[in-house]
Amino acid sequence: MDALNQTRVTEFVFLGLTDKWVLEILFFLAFSVTYVLTLLGNTLIIVTIVFTPRLHTPMYFFLSNLSFIDICHSSVTVPKMLEGLLLEIKTISFDNCIAQLFFLHLFACAEIFLLTIMAYDRYVAICAPLHYSNVMSMRVCVQLVFALWLGATVHSLVQTFLTIRLPYCGPNIIDSYFCDVPPIIKLACTDTYLTGMLIVSNSGTISLTCFLALVTSYTVILVSLRKHSAEGRRKALSTCSAHFMVVAFFFGPCIFIYTRPDTSFSIDKVVSVFYTVVTPLLNPLIYTLRNEEVKSVMKHLRQRVFFMKSGT
C-alpha cells in the first residue's frame, strides 16, 4: 500500500517504433492494412465455423476460439500504436497503461494455453482415434476453454500486481509502443531485481513449459504416423504442420522477451511487433491456406452468397 501511495507518475510517454516521420507514415499504412486484414480474416474463420455444422468438431471449436483471441490480442496494442504513429508526443495515462498490460497478458497467456490444448487435441485424434470422441467430448472442450481463461486471468493478475506494487516517481518514458511489464518496471524508483525474477518465473516458465510440451506432443505424433496410411499421414501432417507454424511464430518471440530478466536489446521492438501485429494475421492465413476442409467450406459459402445475390 505504501508503494501505491508513493506513485507520482500519472502518464507515460512512448518512444514508439521510430522518430522518422516518413517511416511512421509507412508503418501506419502497413499496420493499418494488417490490422484490418486480421479483423476480417479471423472474423471470417469464426463465422465460417459457427454457420457450418460439419465444422462443429473440437479442432474447429478451438480454432474459432483462437481467432477470437487473436482479434482481442491485436486490438489491445495495435489501435494505440496506430494513434501514436500519427502523433508527435505519444502518451498514455497510468491507469490505461496498466489496463493495457493486463489485457495484453490475459490474451497472450490464453493463446499459449489454447495452442497447447490444440496440440493435445491433435495428439488424441492421431494417436488414439478410437477414444477421441470420449476423451475430447464437447463438454470436455468447454471445460478446457474455461480452464484456460481462468489460468490466463490468474497469470495476468499476477503480472499486474507485480507492476502496480512498485513506486513510480521519476522517469516516465517507455522505450516501446505499448505497455508491458519489462519496460515499465525499469522506471520504478526502487530495485526491481526480485520483481524481474518473479516475471521470468511466471511468464517465462509458462511460455517455455508449454512450448516444450507442444514440441513433445508433435514429436510423438510424427513418430506414430509411421503406422498410418499414406493418405492419413498426408492429412495429419498438413494439419499438424499448420499448428506448429503458428506455435513457432507465437512462442518464439514470447520466449525471447520473457525468459531474460532486466535485459533489453534493440531488436526487442521488432520482435514485439511480430507477435502483437503480424502473428494474429498469420493464424487465419496459415489455417485457411493449409486446411483443405476450411477452404472448401469457404468456397461453398462464397458460392451460396453469390447465388443469393444473383437471385435478388
C-alpha atoms as a PDB file:
ATOM      1  CA  MET A   1       0.000   0.000   0.000  1.00  0.00           C
ATOM      2  CA  ASP A   2       2.885   2.385   0.754  1.00  0.00           C
ATOM      3  CA  ALA A   3       4.303   1.769  -2.683  1.00  0.00           C
ATOM      4  CA  LEU A   4       0.988   2.693  -4.263  1.00  0.00           C
ATOM      5  CA  ASN A   5       0.798   5.889  -2.223  1.00  0.00           C
ATOM      6  CA  GLN A   6       4.236   6.932  -3.494  1.00  0.00           C
ATOM      7  CA  THR A   7       3.165   6.738  -7.125  1.00  0.00           C
ATOM      8  CA  ARG A   8       3.597  10.161  -8.710  1.00  0.00           C
ATOM      9  CA  VAL A   9       3.641   9.380 -12.393  1.00  0.00           C
ATOM     10  CA  THR A  10       0.192   9.975 -13.918  1.00  0.00           C
ATOM     11  CA  GLU A  11       1.078   9.201 -17.535  1.00  0.00           C
ATOM     12  CA  PHE A  12       3.761   7.509 -19.603  1.00  0.00           C
ATOM     13  CA  VAL A  13       5.334   8.641 -22.866  1.00  0.00           C
ATOM     14  CA  PHE A  14       6.091   6.080 -25.587  1.00  0.00           C
ATOM     15  CA  LEU A  15       9.199   6.464 -27.731  1.00  0.00           C
ATOM     16  CA  GLY A  16       7.406   4.431 -30.389  1.00  0.00           C
ATOM     17  CA  LEU A  17       8.951   2.478 -33.235  1.00  0.00           C
ATOM     18  CA  THR A  18      10.902   5.313 -34.838  1.00  0.00           C
ATOM     19  CA  ASP A  19      11.379   9.078 -34.717  1.00  0.00           C
ATOM     20  CA  LYS A  20      11.431   9.490 -38.506  1.00  0.00           C
ATOM     21  CA  TRP A  21       8.067  10.771 -39.788  1.00  0.00           C
ATOM     22  CA  VAL A  22       8.448   9.109 -43.208  1.00  0.00           C
ATOM     23  CA  LEU A  23       8.829   5.698 -41.575  1.00  0.00           C
ATOM     24  CA  GLU A  24       5.945   6.476 -39.216  1.00  0.00           C
ATOM     25  CA  ILE A  25       3.636   7.104 -42.193  1.00  0.00           C
ATOM     26  CA  LEU A  26       4.791   3.907 -43.894  1.00  0.00           C
ATOM     27  CA  PHE A  27       4.341   1.923 -40.683  1.00  0.00           C
ATOM     28  CA  PHE A  28       0.893   3.448 -40.178  1.00  0.00           C
ATOM     29  CA  LEU A  29      -0.257   2.380 -43.650  1.00  0.00           C
ATOM     30  CA  ALA A  30       1.262  -1.106 -43.379  1.00  0.00           C
ATOM     31  CA  PHE A  31      -0.026  -1.831 -39.884  1.00  0.00           C
ATOM     32  CA  SER A  32      -3.462  -0.371 -40.635  1.00  0.00           C
ATOM     33  CA  VAL A  33      -3.861  -2.801 -43.530  1.00  0.00           C
ATOM     34  CA  THR A  34      -2.505  -5.646 -41.390  1.00  0.00           C
ATOM     35  CA  TYR A  35      -4.941  -4.863 -38.572  1.00  0.00           C
ATOM     36  CA  VAL A  36      -7.958  -4.673 -40.885  1.00  0.00           C
ATOM     37  CA  LEU A  37      -6.984  -7.965 -42.518  1.00  0.00           C
ATOM     38  CA  THR A  38      -6.524  -9.507 -39.075  1.00  0.00           C
ATOM     39  CA  LEU A  39     -10.041  -8.497 -38.039  1.00  0.00           C
ATOM     40  CA  LEU A  40     -11.603  -9.617 -41.311  1.00  0.00           C
ATOM     41  CA  GLY A  41      -9.657 -12.880 -41.576  1.00  0.00           C
ATOM     42  CA  ASN A  42     -10.304 -14.059 -38.039  1.00  0.00           C
ATOM     43  CA  THR A  43     -13.940 -12.942 -38.148  1.00  0.00           C
ATOM     44  CA  LEU A  44     -14.385 -14.916 -41.373  1.00  0.00           C
ATOM     45  CA  ILE A  45     -12.995 -18.038 -39.697  1.00  0.00           C
ATOM     46  CA  ILE A  46     -15.358 -17.639 -36.719  1.00  0.00           C
ATOM     47  CA  VAL A  47     -18.403 -17.087 -38.955  1.00  0.00           C
ATOM     48  CA  THR A  48     -17.459 -19.992 -41.215  1.00  0.00           C
ATOM     49  CA  ILE A  49     -17.125 -22.388 -38.291  1.00  0.00           C
ATOM     50  CA  VAL A  50     -20.249 -21.203 -36.473  1.00  0.00           C
ATOM     51  CA  PHE A  51     -22.504 -21.491 -39.533  1.00  0.00           C
ATOM     52  CA  THR A  52     -21.085 -24.768 -40.878  1.00  0.00           C
ATOM     53  CA  PRO A  53     -22.407 -27.808 -38.969  1.00  0.00           C
ATOM     54  CA  ARG A  54     -19.741 -30.192 -40.274  1.00  0.00           C
ATOM     55  CA  LEU A  55     -17.086 -27.966 -38.694  1.00  0.00           C
ATOM     56  CA  HIS A  56     -18.645 -28.322 -35.245  1.00  0.00           C
ATOM     57  CA  THR A  57     -15.813 -30.518 -34.040  1.00  0.00           C
ATOM     58  CA  PRO A  58     -13.271 -29.994 -31.230  1.00  0.00           C
ATOM     59  CA  MET A  59     -10.486 -28.925 -33.595  1.00  0.00           C
ATOM     60  CA  TYR A  60     -12.564 -26.189 -35.218  1.00  0.00           C
ATOM     61  CA  PHE A  61     -14.124 -25.215 -31.890  1.00  0.00           C
ATOM     62  CA  PHE A  62     -10.625 -24.474 -30.634  1.00  0.00           C
ATOM     63  CA  LEU A  63      -9.721 -22.760 -33.914  1.00  0.00           C
ATOM     64  CA  SER A  64     -12.684 -20.370 -33.593  1.00  0.00           C
ATOM     65  CA  ASN A  65     -11.572 -19.572 -30.052  1.00  0.00           C
ATOM     66  CA  LEU A  66      -8.056 -18.924 -31.353  1.00  0.00           C
ATOM     67  CA  SER A  67      -9.414 -16.468 -33.920  1.00  0.00           C
ATOM     68  CA  PHE A  68     -11.396 -14.678 -31.203  1.00  0.00           C
ATOM     69  CA  ILE A  69      -8.282 -14.407 -29.032  1.00  0.00           C
ATOM     70  CA  ASP A  70      -6.242 -13.089 -31.973  1.00  0.00           C
ATOM     71  CA  ILE A  71      -8.813 -10.359 -32.610  1.00  0.00           C
ATOM     72  CA  CYS A  72      -8.689  -9.318 -28.955  1.00  0.00           C
ATOM     73  CA  HIS A  73      -4.909  -9.658 -28.680  1.00  0.00           C
ATOM     74  CA  SER A  74      -4.183  -7.392 -31.646  1.00  0.00           C
ATOM     75  CA  SER A  75      -6.863  -4.896 -30.573  1.00  0.00           C
ATOM     76  CA  VAL A  76      -5.138  -4.351 -27.222  1.00  0.00           C
ATOM     77  CA  THR A  77      -1.987  -2.834 -28.761  1.00  0.00           C
ATOM     78  CA  VAL A  78      -2.442  -2.005 -32.455  1.00  0.00           C
ATOM     79  CA  PRO A  79      -5.036   0.837 -32.256  1.00  0.00           C
ATOM     80  CA  LYS A  80      -2.925   2.705 -29.683  1.00  0.00           C
ATOM     81  CA  MET A  81       0.195   2.112 -31.782  1.00  0.00           C
ATOM     82  CA  LEU A  82      -1.533   3.467 -34.911  1.00  0.00           C
ATOM     83  CA  GLU A  83      -2.619   6.529 -32.969  1.00  0.00           C
ATOM     84  CA  GLY A  84       0.948   7.067 -31.750  1.00  0.00           C
ATOM     85  CA  LEU A  85       2.346   6.867 -35.289  1.00  0.00           C
ATOM     86  CA  LEU A  86       0.309   9.969 -36.158  1.00  0.00           C
ATOM     87  CA  LEU A  87       1.195  11.943 -33.023  1.00  0.00           C
ATOM     88  CA  GLU A  88       4.450  13.687 -32.214  1.00  0.00           C
ATOM     89  CA  ILE A  89       4.070  13.022 -28.476  1.00  0.00           C
ATOM     90  CA  LYS A  90       2.724   9.555 -27.702  1.00  0.00           C
ATOM     91  CA  THR A  91       1.232   9.385 -24.221  1.00  0.00           C
ATOM     92  CA  ILE A  92      -0.931   7.026 -22.198  1.00  0.00           C
ATOM     93  CA  SER A  93      -2.351   7.525 -18.730  1.00  0.00           C
ATOM     94  CA  PHE A  94      -1.067   5.360 -15.889  1.00  0.00           C
ATOM     95  CA  ASP A  95      -4.453   3.648 -15.447  1.00  0.00           C
ATOM     96  CA  ASN A  96      -4.836   2.934 -19.182  1.00  0.00           C
ATOM     97  CA  CYS A  97      -1.285   1.634 -19.295  1.00  0.00           C
ATOM     98  CA  ILE A  98      -1.991  -0.849 -16.510  1.00  0.00           C
ATOM     99  CA  ALA A  99      -5.243  -1.867 -18.225  1.00  0.00           C
ATOM    100  CA  GLN A 100      -3.386  -2.451 -21.497  1.00  0.00           C
ATOM    101  CA  LEU A 101      -0.791  -4.523 -19.661  1.00  0.00           C
ATOM    102  CA  PHE A 102      -3.492  -6.628 -18.001  1.00  0.00           C
ATOM    103  CA  PHE A 103      -5.368  -7.444 -21.215  1.00  0.00           C
ATOM    104  CA  LEU A 104      -2.151  -7.980 -23.167  1.00  0.00           C
ATOM    105  CA  HIS A 105      -1.084 -10.737 -20.783  1.00  0.00           C
ATOM    106  CA  LEU A 106      -4.626 -12.081 -20.499  1.00  0.00           C
ATOM    107  CA  PHE A 107      -4.990 -12.743 -24.229  1.00  0.00           C
ATOM    108  CA  ALA A 108      -1.361 -13.742 -24.780  1.00  0.00           C
ATOM    109  CA  CYS A 109      -1.495 -16.320 -21.989  1.00  0.00           C
ATOM    110  CA  ALA A 110      -4.901 -17.538 -23.197  1.00  0.00           C
ATOM    111  CA  GLU A 111      -3.381 -18.125 -26.641  1.00  0.00           C
ATOM    112  CA  ILE A 112      -0.443 -20.020 -25.147  1.00  0.00           C
ATOM    113  CA  PHE A 113      -2.776 -22.336 -23.236  1.00  0.00           C
ATOM    114  CA  LEU A 114      -5.098 -22.744 -26.217  1.00  0.00           C
ATOM    115  CA  LEU A 115      -2.273 -23.716 -28.573  1.00  0.00           C
ATOM    116  CA  THR A 116      -1.201 -26.304 -26.008  1.00  0.00           C
ATOM    117  CA  ILE A 117      -4.749 -27.678 -25.828  1.00  0.00           C
ATOM    118  CA  MET A 118      -4.939 -27.802 -29.634  1.00  0.00           C
ATOM    119  CA  ALA A 119      -1.746 -29.856 -29.707  1.00  0.00           C
ATOM    120  CA  TYR A 120      -3.260 -32.264 -27.170  1.00  0.00           C
ATOM    121  CA  ASP A 121      -6.395 -32.483 -29.321  1.00  0.00           C
ATOM    122  CA  ARG A 122      -4.314 -33.465 -32.357  1.00  0.00           C
ATOM    123  CA  TYR A 123      -2.366 -35.962 -30.255  1.00  0.00           C
ATOM    124  CA  VAL A 124      -5.543 -37.739 -29.171  1.00  0.00           C
ATOM    125  CA  ALA A 125      -7.061 -37.613 -32.673  1.00  0.00           C
ATOM    126  CA  ILE A 126      -3.995 -39.159 -34.318  1.00  0.00           C
ATOM    127  CA  CYS A 127      -2.572 -41.429 -31.619  1.00  0.00           C
ATOM    128  CA  ALA A 128      -5.826 -42.642 -30.026  1.00  0.00           C
ATOM    129  CA  PRO A 129      -8.556 -42.186 -32.668  1.00  0.00           C
ATOM    130  CA  LEU A 130     -10.857 -44.876 -31.196  1.00  0.00           C
ATOM    131  CA  HIS A 131     -11.081 -42.977 -27.907  1.00  0.00           C
ATOM    132  CA  TYR A 132     -11.204 -39.489 -29.441  1.00  0.00           C
ATOM    133  CA  SER A 133     -14.969 -38.936 -29.163  1.00  0.00           C
ATOM    134  CA  ASN A 134     -14.927 -39.825 -25.454  1.00  0.00           C
ATOM    135  CA  VAL A 135     -11.718 -38.032 -24.496  1.00  0.00           C
ATOM    136  CA  MET A 136     -12.498 -34.847 -26.454  1.00  0.00           C
ATOM    137  CA  SER A 137     -16.229 -34.570 -25.994  1.00  0.00           C
ATOM    138  CA  MET A 138     -17.782 -31.116 -26.352  1.00  0.00           C
ATOM    139  CA  ARG A 139     -18.242 -30.956 -22.589  1.00  0.00           C
ATOM    140  CA  VAL A 140     -14.529 -31.572 -22.082  1.00  0.00           C
ATOM    141  CA  CYS A 141     -13.685 -28.947 -24.733  1.00  0.00           C
ATOM    142  CA  VAL A 142     -15.803 -26.318 -22.984  1.00  0.00           C
ATOM    143  CA  GLN A 143     -14.196 -27.204 -19.654  1.00  0.00           C
ATOM    144  CA  LEU A 144     -10.724 -26.855 -21.181  1.00  0.00           C
ATOM    145  CA  VAL A 145     -11.569 -23.440 -22.611  1.00  0.00           C
ATOM    146  CA  PHE A 146     -12.954 -22.339 -19.237  1.00  0.00           C
ATOM    147  CA  ALA A 147      -9.773 -23.568 -17.552  1.00  0.00           C
ATOM    148  CA  LEU A 148      -7.512 -21.709 -19.977  1.00  0.00           C
ATOM    149  CA  TRP A 149      -9.355 -18.427 -19.367  1.00  0.00           C
ATOM    150  CA  LEU A 150      -9.149 -18.981 -15.615  1.00  0.00           C
ATOM    151  CA  GLY A 151      -5.426 -19.687 -15.823  1.00  0.00           C
ATOM    152  CA  ALA A 152      -4.838 -16.698 -18.103  1.00  0.00           C
ATOM    153  CA  THR A 153      -6.730 -14.422 -15.713  1.00  0.00           C
ATOM    154  CA  VAL A 154      -4.658 -15.564 -12.743  1.00  0.00           C
ATOM    155  CA  HIS A 155      -1.451 -15.058 -14.723  1.00  0.00           C
ATOM    156  CA  SER A 156      -2.487 -11.574 -15.824  1.00  0.00           C
ATOM    157  CA  LEU A 157      -3.481 -10.564 -12.300  1.00  0.00           C
ATOM    158  CA  VAL A 158      -0.068 -11.662 -11.033  1.00  0.00           C
ATOM    159  CA  GLN A 159       1.721  -9.627 -13.715  1.00  0.00           C
ATOM    160  CA  THR A 160      -0.424  -6.582 -12.977  1.00  0.00           C
ATOM    161  CA  PHE A 161       0.143  -6.853  -9.229  1.00  0.00           C
ATOM    162  CA  LEU A 162       3.912  -7.155  -9.710  1.00  0.00           C
ATOM    163  CA  THR A 163       3.801  -3.924 -11.711  1.00  0.00           C
ATOM    164  CA  ILE A 164       1.483  -1.670  -9.696  1.00  0.00           C
ATOM    165  CA  ARG A 165       3.042  -2.565  -6.338  1.00  0.00           C
ATOM    166  CA  LEU A 166       6.202  -0.666  -7.346  1.00  0.00           C
ATOM    167  CA  PRO A 167       6.608   3.107  -6.807  1.00  0.00           C
ATOM    168  CA  TYR A 168       6.869   5.254  -9.947  1.00  0.00           C
ATOM    169  CA  CYS A 169       8.151   8.681  -9.025  1.00  0.00           C
ATOM    170  CA  GLY A 170      10.703   9.616 -11.658  1.00  0.00           C
ATOM    171  CA  PRO A 171      11.150   8.974 -15.403  1.00  0.00           C
ATOM    172  CA  ASN A 172       8.037   8.163 -17.408  1.00  0.00           C
ATOM    173  CA  ILE A 173       9.431   7.400 -20.872  1.00  0.00           C
ATOM    174  CA  ILE A 174       8.780   3.863 -22.139  1.00  0.00           C
ATOM    175  CA  ASP A 175      11.084   2.684 -24.911  1.00  0.00           C
ATOM    176  CA  SER A 176       8.289   0.813 -26.675  1.00  0.00           C
ATOM    177  CA  TYR A 177       4.910   1.388 -28.336  1.00  0.00           C
ATOM    178  CA  PHE A 178       2.780  -0.416 -25.732  1.00  0.00           C
ATOM    179  CA  CYS A 179       2.742  -1.124 -22.009  1.00  0.00           C
ATOM    180  CA  ASP A 180       4.361  -4.332 -20.837  1.00  0.00           C
ATOM    181  CA  VAL A 181       5.928  -5.399 -17.563  1.00  0.00           C
ATOM    182  CA  PRO A 182       9.657  -5.415 -18.534  1.00  0.00           C
ATOM    183  CA  PRO A 183       9.888  -1.819 -19.856  1.00  0.00           C
ATOM    184  CA  ILE A 184       7.595  -0.409 -17.154  1.00  0.00           C
ATOM    185  CA  ILE A 185       9.328  -1.820 -14.094  1.00  0.00           C
ATOM    186  CA  LYS A 186      12.590  -0.288 -15.331  1.00  0.00           C
ATOM    187  CA  LEU A 187      11.011   3.089 -14.486  1.00  0.00           C
ATOM    188  CA  ALA A 188      10.306   2.148 -10.860  1.00  0.00           C
ATOM    189  CA  CYS A 189      12.046   4.125  -8.106  1.00  0.00           C
ATOM    190  CA  THR A 190      13.330   1.003  -6.386  1.00  0.00           C
ATOM    191  CA  ASP A 191      15.373  -2.121  -7.010  1.00  0.00           C
ATOM    192  CA  THR A 192      13.428  -4.433  -9.333  1.00  0.00           C
ATOM    193  CA  TYR A 193      15.720  -7.464  -9.430  1.00  0.00           C
ATOM    194  CA  LEU A 194      13.340  -9.642  -7.400  1.00  0.00           C
ATOM    195  CA  THR A 195      10.355  -8.481  -9.454  1.00  0.00           C
ATOM    196  CA  GLY A 196      12.248  -9.304 -12.637  1.00  0.00           C
ATOM    197  CA  MET A 197      12.962 -12.800 -11.389  1.00  0.00           C
ATOM    198  CA  LEU A 198       9.300 -13.283 -10.494  1.00  0.00           C
ATOM    199  CA  ILE A 199       8.341 -12.207 -14.004  1.00  0.00           C
ATOM    200  CA  VAL A 200      10.667 -14.801 -15.504  1.00  0.00           C
ATOM    201  CA  SER A 201       9.365 -17.489 -13.165  1.00  0.00           C
ATOM    202  CA  ASN A 202       5.821 -16.618 -14.233  1.00  0.00           C
ATOM    203  CA  SER A 203       5.692 -15.556 -17.889  1.00  0.00           C
ATOM    204  CA  GLY A 204       8.939 -17.212 -18.914  1.00  0.00           C
ATOM    205  CA  THR A 205       8.155 -20.524 -17.283  1.00  0.00           C
ATOM    206  CA  ILE A 206       4.656 -20.658 -18.770  1.00  0.00           C
ATOM    207  CA  SER A 207       5.950 -19.891 -22.278  1.00  0.00           C
ATOM    208  CA  LEU A 208       8.870 -22.308 -22.135  1.00  0.00           C
ATOM    209  CA  THR A 209       6.983 -25.146 -20.421  1.00  0.00           C
ATOM    210  CA  CYS A 210       4.047 -25.013 -22.832  1.00  0.00           C
ATOM    211  CA  PHE A 211       6.416 -24.816 -25.800  1.00  0.00           C
ATOM    212  CA  LEU A 212       8.316 -27.908 -24.650  1.00  0.00           C
ATOM    213  CA  ALA A 213       5.009 -29.717 -24.114  1.00  0.00           C
ATOM    214  CA  LEU A 214       3.960 -28.781 -27.642  1.00  0.00           C
ATOM    215  CA  VAL A 215       7.235 -29.950 -29.177  1.00  0.00           C
ATOM    216  CA  THR A 216       6.956 -33.228 -27.266  1.00  0.00           C
ATOM    217  CA  SER A 217       3.379 -33.847 -28.377  1.00  0.00           C
ATOM    218  CA  TYR A 218       4.165 -33.144 -32.038  1.00  0.00           C
ATOM    219  CA  THR A 219       7.245 -35.372 -31.863  1.00  0.00           C
ATOM    220  CA  VAL A 220       5.106 -38.235 -30.552  1.00  0.00           C
ATOM    221  CA  ILE A 221       2.582 -37.561 -33.320  1.00  0.00           C
ATOM    222  CA  LEU A 222       5.249 -37.667 -36.017  1.00  0.00           C
ATOM    223  CA  VAL A 223       6.608 -40.956 -34.683  1.00  0.00           C
ATOM    224  CA  SER A 224       3.140 -42.502 -34.560  1.00  0.00           C
ATOM    225  CA  LEU A 225       2.393 -41.506 -38.176  1.00  0.00           C
ATOM    226  CA  ARG A 226       4.566 -44.381 -39.393  1.00  0.00           C
ATOM    227  CA  LYS A 227       1.674 -46.700 -38.578  1.00  0.00           C
ATOM    228  CA  HIS A 228      -0.830 -44.752 -40.693  1.00  0.00           C
ATOM    229  CA  SER A 229      -1.647 -44.990 -44.379  1.00  0.00           C
ATOM    230  CA  ALA A 230      -0.117 -42.577 -46.891  1.00  0.00           C
ATOM    231  CA  GLU A 231      -3.353 -40.565 -47.083  1.00  0.00           C
ATOM    232  CA  GLY A 232      -3.662 -40.496 -43.301  1.00  0.00           C
ATOM    233  CA  ARG A 233      -0.085 -39.295 -42.956  1.00  0.00           C
ATOM    234  CA  ARG A 234      -0.627 -36.567 -45.540  1.00  0.00           C
ATOM    235  CA  LYS A 235      -3.736 -35.240 -43.849  1.00  0.00           C
ATOM    236  CA  ALA A 236      -2.233 -35.414 -40.362  1.00  0.00           C
ATOM    237  CA  LEU A 237       0.990 -33.736 -41.477  1.00  0.00           C
ATOM    238  CA  SER A 238      -0.959 -30.941 -43.178  1.00  0.00           C
ATOM    239  CA  THR A 239      -2.938 -30.195 -40.014  1.00  0.00           C
ATOM    240  CA  CYS A 240      -0.019 -30.540 -37.603  1.00  0.00           C
ATOM    241  CA  SER A 241       2.372 -28.504 -39.732  1.00  0.00           C
ATOM    242  CA  ALA A 242      -0.146 -25.636 -39.737  1.00  0.00           C
ATOM    243  CA  HIS A 243      -0.430 -25.880 -35.957  1.00  0.00           C
ATOM    244  CA  PHE A 244       3.326 -25.976 -35.474  1.00  0.00           C
ATOM    245  CA  MET A 245       3.884 -22.952 -37.732  1.00  0.00           C
ATOM    246  CA  VAL A 246       1.527 -20.937 -35.539  1.00  0.00           C
ATOM    247  CA  VAL A 247       3.286 -22.237 -32.427  1.00  0.00           C
ATOM    248  CA  ALA A 248       6.724 -21.262 -33.736  1.00  0.00           C
ATOM    249  CA  PHE A 249       5.614 -17.778 -34.798  1.00  0.00           C
ATOM    250  CA  PHE A 250       3.970 -17.059 -31.445  1.00  0.00           C
ATOM    251  CA  PHE A 251       6.158 -18.845 -28.905  1.00  0.00           C
ATOM    252  CA  GLY A 252       9.492 -17.761 -30.374  1.00  0.00           C
ATOM    253  CA  PRO A 253       9.023 -14.039 -29.598  1.00  0.00           C
ATOM    254  CA  CYS A 254       7.370 -14.765 -26.224  1.00  0.00           C
ATOM    255  CA  ILE A 255      10.282 -16.926 -25.075  1.00  0.00           C
ATOM    256  CA  PHE A 256      12.771 -14.346 -26.386  1.00  0.00           C
ATOM    257  CA  ILE A 257      11.120 -11.476 -24.471  1.00  0.00           C
ATOM    258  CA  TYR A 258      10.081 -13.103 -21.184  1.00  0.00           C
ATOM    259  CA  THR A 259      12.895 -15.505 -20.312  1.00  0.00           C
ATOM    260  CA  ARG A 260      15.574 -12.897 -19.597  1.00  0.00           C
ATOM    261  CA  PRO A 261      15.150 -10.520 -16.629  1.00  0.00           C
ATOM    262  CA  ASP A 262      16.495  -6.940 -16.612  1.00  0.00           C
ATOM    263  CA  THR A 263      17.921  -7.277 -20.123  1.00  0.00           C
ATOM    264  CA  SER A 264      16.835  -5.458 -23.270  1.00  0.00           C
ATOM    265  CA  PHE A 265      18.044  -5.452 -26.865  1.00  0.00           C
ATOM    266  CA  SER A 266      17.446  -3.079 -29.765  1.00  0.00           C
ATOM    267  CA  ILE A 267      15.651  -5.872 -31.631  1.00  0.00           C
ATOM    268  CA  ASP A 268      13.000  -6.179 -28.897  1.00  0.00           C
ATOM    269  CA  LYS A 269      10.634  -3.773 -30.684  1.00  0.00           C
ATOM    270  CA  VAL A 270      10.833  -5.752 -33.910  1.00  0.00           C
ATOM    271  CA  VAL A 271      10.147  -8.985 -32.042  1.00  0.00           C
ATOM    272  CA  SER A 272       7.219  -7.361 -30.213  1.00  0.00           C
ATOM    273  CA  VAL A 273       5.727  -6.126 -33.496  1.00  0.00           C
ATOM    274  CA  PHE A 274       5.884  -9.665 -34.826  1.00  0.00           C
ATOM    275  CA  TYR A 275       3.845 -11.296 -32.054  1.00  0.00           C
ATOM    276  CA  THR A 276       1.417  -8.406 -31.420  1.00  0.00           C
ATOM    277  CA  VAL A 277       0.743  -7.329 -35.023  1.00  0.00           C
ATOM    278  CA  VAL A 278       1.887  -9.947 -37.524  1.00  0.00           C
ATOM    279  CA  THR A 279       1.130 -13.270 -35.812  1.00  0.00           C
ATOM    280  CA  PRO A 280      -2.630 -12.607 -35.345  1.00  0.00           C
ATOM    281  CA  LEU A 281      -2.826 -12.154 -39.131  1.00  0.00           C
ATOM    282  CA  LEU A 282      -0.698 -15.211 -39.912  1.00  0.00           C
ATOM    283  CA  ASN A 283      -3.005 -17.521 -37.980  1.00  0.00           C
ATOM    284  CA  PRO A 284      -6.038 -17.208 -40.312  1.00  0.00           C
ATOM    285  CA  LEU A 285      -3.772 -17.282 -43.371  1.00  0.00           C
ATOM    286  CA  ILE A 286      -1.989 -20.446 -42.247  1.00  0.00           C
ATOM    287  CA  TYR A 287      -5.135 -22.288 -41.222  1.00  0.00           C
ATOM    288  CA  THR A 288      -7.085 -21.380 -44.375  1.00  0.00           C
ATOM    289  CA  LEU A 289      -4.280 -21.842 -46.904  1.00  0.00           C
ATOM    290  CA  ARG A 290      -3.155 -25.197 -45.468  1.00  0.00           C
ATOM    291  CA  ASN A 291      -6.547 -26.604 -44.486  1.00  0.00           C
ATOM    292  CA  GLU A 292      -8.420 -28.078 -47.437  1.00  0.00           C
ATOM    293  CA  GLU A 293     -11.633 -28.543 -45.458  1.00  0.00           C
ATOM    294  CA  VAL A 294     -11.809 -24.892 -44.393  1.00  0.00           C
ATOM    295  CA  LYS A 295     -11.018 -23.712 -47.927  1.00  0.00           C
ATOM    296  CA  SER A 296     -13.735 -25.978 -49.327  1.00  0.00           C
ATOM    297  CA  VAL A 297     -16.317 -24.672 -46.850  1.00  0.00           C
ATOM    298  CA  MET A 298     -15.386 -21.039 -47.540  1.00  0.00           C
ATOM    299  CA  LYS A 299     -15.661 -21.645 -51.284  1.00  0.00           C
ATOM    300  CA  HIS A 300     -19.108 -23.169 -50.776  1.00  0.00           C
ATOM    301  CA  LEU A 301     -20.207 -20.206 -48.653  1.00  0.00           C
ATOM    302  CA  ARG A 302     -18.997 -17.745 -51.290  1.00  0.00           C
ATOM    303  CA  GLN A 303     -20.979 -19.586 -53.941  1.00  0.00           C
ATOM    304  CA  ARG A 304     -24.101 -19.512 -51.758  1.00  0.00           C
ATOM    305  CA  VAL A 305     -23.727 -15.770 -51.196  1.00  0.00           C
ATOM    306  CA  PHE A 306     -23.138 -15.211 -54.930  1.00  0.00           C
ATOM    307  CA  PHE A 307     -26.243 -17.161 -55.931  1.00  0.00           C
ATOM    308  CA  MET A 308     -28.335 -15.396 -53.292  1.00  0.00           C
ATOM    309  CA  LYS A 309     -27.251 -12.041 -54.674  1.00  0.00           C
ATOM    310  CA  SER A 310     -27.848 -13.208 -58.249  1.00  0.00           C
ATOM    311  CA  GLY A 311     -31.333 -14.375 -57.304  1.00  0.00           C
ATOM    312  CA  THR A 312     -32.202 -10.965 -55.948  1.00  0.00           C
END
